[in-house]
Amino acid sequence: MTLITDHKWRNLEYGYQLKPKERADFDYIDADDFDLHDFLRYRGVVYDVGEFEVTNVKGWDGQHVDSYFSAVLIRFGGGDHDRVQVGLWLA
């Protein structure tokens, strides 16, 4: 397994910061609740942080599986859930 990360902290975005086209990708979120969701931009893709699953990868808090061979990992900043570190996990 290979983990790629730059260890930089990235600020999360709120729903109101997304463009209308980006919002359309998240049609499962009720319009009244959209601004309460946190989103992450990584490698040209916008992720709903609420869709990340808890992971058992040491040192990481969540994972979003992209394919059989890759996943995006996130680690929240000590007590600060407004920013994350991101990693790409490749098999």
C-alpha atoms as a PDB file:
ATOM      1  CA  MET A   1       0.000   0.000   0.000  1.00  0.00           C
ATOM      2  CA  THR A   2       1.175   3.499  -0.826  1.00  0.00           C
ATOM      3  CA  LEU A   3       0.053   6.664   0.942  1.00  0.00           C
ATOM      4  CA  ILE A   4       0.525  10.017  -0.785  1.00  0.00           C
ATOM      5  CA  THR A   5       0.066  13.189   1.275  1.00  0.00           C
ATOM      6  CA  ASP A   6       1.612  16.625   1.514  1.00  0.00           C
ATOM      7  CA  HIS A   7       0.588  17.001   5.198  1.00  0.00           C
ATOM      8  CA  LYS A   8      -0.881  20.449   4.484  1.00  0.00           C
ATOM      9  CA  TRP A   9      -3.994  21.532   6.332  1.00  0.00           C
ATOM     10  CA  ARG A  10      -6.957  22.263   4.064  1.00  0.00           C
ATOM     11  CA  ASN A  11      -9.953  24.302   5.105  1.00  0.00           C
ATOM     12  CA  LEU A  12     -13.323  22.668   4.624  1.00  0.00           C
ATOM     13  CA  GLU A  13     -15.993  24.531   2.687  1.00  0.00           C
ATOM     14  CA  TYR A  14     -19.635  24.997   3.575  1.00  0.00           C
ATOM     15  CA  GLY A  15     -22.455  24.209   1.180  1.00  0.00           C
ATOM     16  CA  TYR A  16     -23.130  27.848   0.341  1.00  0.00           C
ATOM     17  CA  GLN A  17     -19.570  28.142  -1.010  1.00  0.00           C
ATOM     18  CA  LEU A  18     -20.157  25.566  -3.751  1.00  0.00           C
ATOM     19  CA  LYS A  19     -21.101  26.514  -7.285  1.00  0.00           C
ATOM     20  CA  PRO A  20     -24.621  25.556  -8.443  1.00  0.00           C
ATOM     21  CA  LYS A  21     -23.200  22.849 -10.719  1.00  0.00           C
ATOM     22  CA  GLU A  22     -21.264  21.349  -7.790  1.00  0.00           C
ATOM     23  CA  ARG A  23     -24.334  21.470  -5.553  1.00  0.00           C
ATOM     24  CA  ALA A  24     -26.251  19.460  -8.138  1.00  0.00           C
ATOM     25  CA  ASP A  25     -23.888  16.515  -7.543  1.00  0.00           C
ATOM     26  CA  PHE A  26     -25.232  16.257  -3.999  1.00  0.00           C
ATOM     27  CA  ASP A  27     -28.955  15.965  -4.739  1.00  0.00           C
ATOM     28  CA  TYR A  28     -29.406  13.654  -1.732  1.00  0.00           C
ATOM     29  CA  ILE A  29     -28.918  16.650   0.605  1.00  0.00           C
ATOM     30  CA  ASP A  30     -32.086  18.564   1.409  1.00  0.00           C
ATOM     31  CA  ALA A  31     -31.867  22.224   0.338  1.00  0.00           C
ATOM     32  CA  ASP A  32     -32.628  23.393   3.892  1.00  0.00           C
ATOM     33  CA  ASP A  33     -29.697  21.374   5.272  1.00  0.00           C
ATOM     34  CA  PHE A  34     -27.171  22.008   2.503  1.00  0.00           C
ATOM     35  CA  ASP A  35     -25.356  24.838   4.237  1.00  0.00           C
ATOM     36  CA  LEU A  36     -24.806  22.653   7.305  1.00  0.00           C
ATOM     37  CA  HIS A  37     -22.655  20.163   5.394  1.00  0.00           C
ATOM     38  CA  ASP A  38     -18.861  20.344   5.128  1.00  0.00           C
ATOM     39  CA  PHE A  39     -17.143  19.748   1.810  1.00  0.00           C
ATOM     40  CA  LEU A  40     -13.576  19.064   0.762  1.00  0.00           C
ATOM     41  CA  ARG A  41     -11.906  19.893  -2.548  1.00  0.00           C
ATOM     42  CA  TYR A  42      -9.167  17.451  -3.449  1.00  0.00           C
ATOM     43  CA  ARG A  43      -7.613  16.744  -6.848  1.00  0.00           C
ATOM     44  CA  GLY A  44     -10.447  18.483  -8.686  1.00  0.00           C
ATOM     45  CA  VAL A  45     -13.224  16.585  -6.904  1.00  0.00           C
ATOM     46  CA  VAL A  46     -15.623  17.919  -4.262  1.00  0.00           C
ATOM     47  CA  TYR A  47     -16.353  15.437  -1.452  1.00  0.00           C
ATOM     48  CA  ASP A  48     -19.105  15.559   1.172  1.00  0.00           C
ATOM     49  CA  VAL A  49     -17.178  14.989   4.406  1.00  0.00           C
ATOM     50  CA  GLY A  50     -20.289  13.350   5.872  1.00  0.00           C
ATOM     51  CA  GLU A  51     -19.885  10.548   3.338  1.00  0.00           C
ATOM     52  CA  PHE A  52     -16.467   9.485   4.673  1.00  0.00           C
ATOM     53  CA  GLU A  53     -16.469   6.258   6.681  1.00  0.00           C
ATOM     54  CA  VAL A  54     -14.485   5.671   9.861  1.00  0.00           C
ATOM     55  CA  THR A  55     -11.232   3.930   8.962  1.00  0.00           C
ATOM     56  CA  ASN A  56      -8.800   1.678  10.783  1.00  0.00           C
ATOM     57  CA  VAL A  57      -5.825   3.134   8.887  1.00  0.00           C
ATOM     58  CA  LYS A  58      -3.487   4.265  11.657  1.00  0.00           C
ATOM     59  CA  GLY A  59      -3.428   8.035  12.158  1.00  0.00           C
ATOM     60  CA  TRP A  60      -6.431   8.752   9.894  1.00  0.00           C
ATOM     61  CA  ASP A  61     -10.050   9.454  10.835  1.00  0.00           C
ATOM     62  CA  GLY A  62     -12.005   8.707   7.681  1.00  0.00           C
ATOM     63  CA  GLN A  63     -11.901   7.218   4.219  1.00  0.00           C
ATOM     64  CA  HIS A  64     -13.812   7.627   0.983  1.00  0.00           C
ATOM     65  CA  VAL A  65     -13.247   4.618  -1.256  1.00  0.00           C
ATOM     66  CA  ASP A  66     -12.910   5.722  -4.883  1.00  0.00           C
ATOM     67  CA  SER A  67     -12.191   2.339  -6.425  1.00  0.00           C
ATOM     68  CA  TYR A  68     -11.028  -1.146  -5.541  1.00  0.00           C
ATOM     69  CA  PHE A  69      -7.469   0.201  -5.575  1.00  0.00           C
ATOM     70  CA  SER A  70      -7.729   3.673  -4.034  1.00  0.00           C
ATOM     71  CA  ALA A  71      -9.267   5.738  -1.253  1.00  0.00           C
ATOM     72  CA  VAL A  72      -9.073   9.323  -0.051  1.00  0.00           C
ATOM     73  CA  LEU A  73      -8.157   9.563   3.646  1.00  0.00           C
ATOM     74  CA  ILE A  74      -8.784  12.491   5.990  1.00  0.00           C
ATOM     75  CA  ARG A  75      -7.420  13.455   9.391  1.00  0.00           C
ATOM     76  CA  PHE A  76      -9.112  16.210  11.388  1.00  0.00           C
ATOM     77  CA  GLY A  77      -7.008  18.905  13.056  1.00  0.00           C
ATOM     78  CA  GLY A  78      -6.754  18.277  16.808  1.00  0.00           C
ATOM     79  CA  GLY A  79     -10.174  19.371  18.028  1.00  0.00           C
ATOM     80  CA  ASP A  80     -10.695  21.565  14.962  1.00  0.00           C
ATOM     81  CA  HIS A  81     -13.199  20.053  12.547  1.00  0.00           C
ATOM     82  CA  ASP A  82     -12.934  22.976  10.106  1.00  0.00           C
ATOM     83  CA  ARG A  83      -9.763  21.688   8.493  1.00  0.00           C
ATOM     84  CA  VAL A  84      -8.269  18.366   7.485  1.00  0.00           C
ATOM     85  CA  GLN A  85      -5.159  16.752   6.146  1.00  0.00           C
ATOM     86  CA  VAL A  86      -5.771  14.611   3.082  1.00  0.00           C
ATOM     87  CA  GLY A  87      -4.051  11.546   1.753  1.00  0.00           C
ATOM     88  CA  LEU A  88      -4.452   9.260  -1.236  1.00  0.00           C
ATOM     89  CA  TRP A  89      -4.165   5.576  -0.406  1.00  0.00           C
ATOM     90  CA  LEU A  90      -3.237   3.318  -3.319  1.00  0.00           C
ATOM     91  CA  ALA A  91      -3.110  -0.482  -3.400  1.00  0.00           C
END
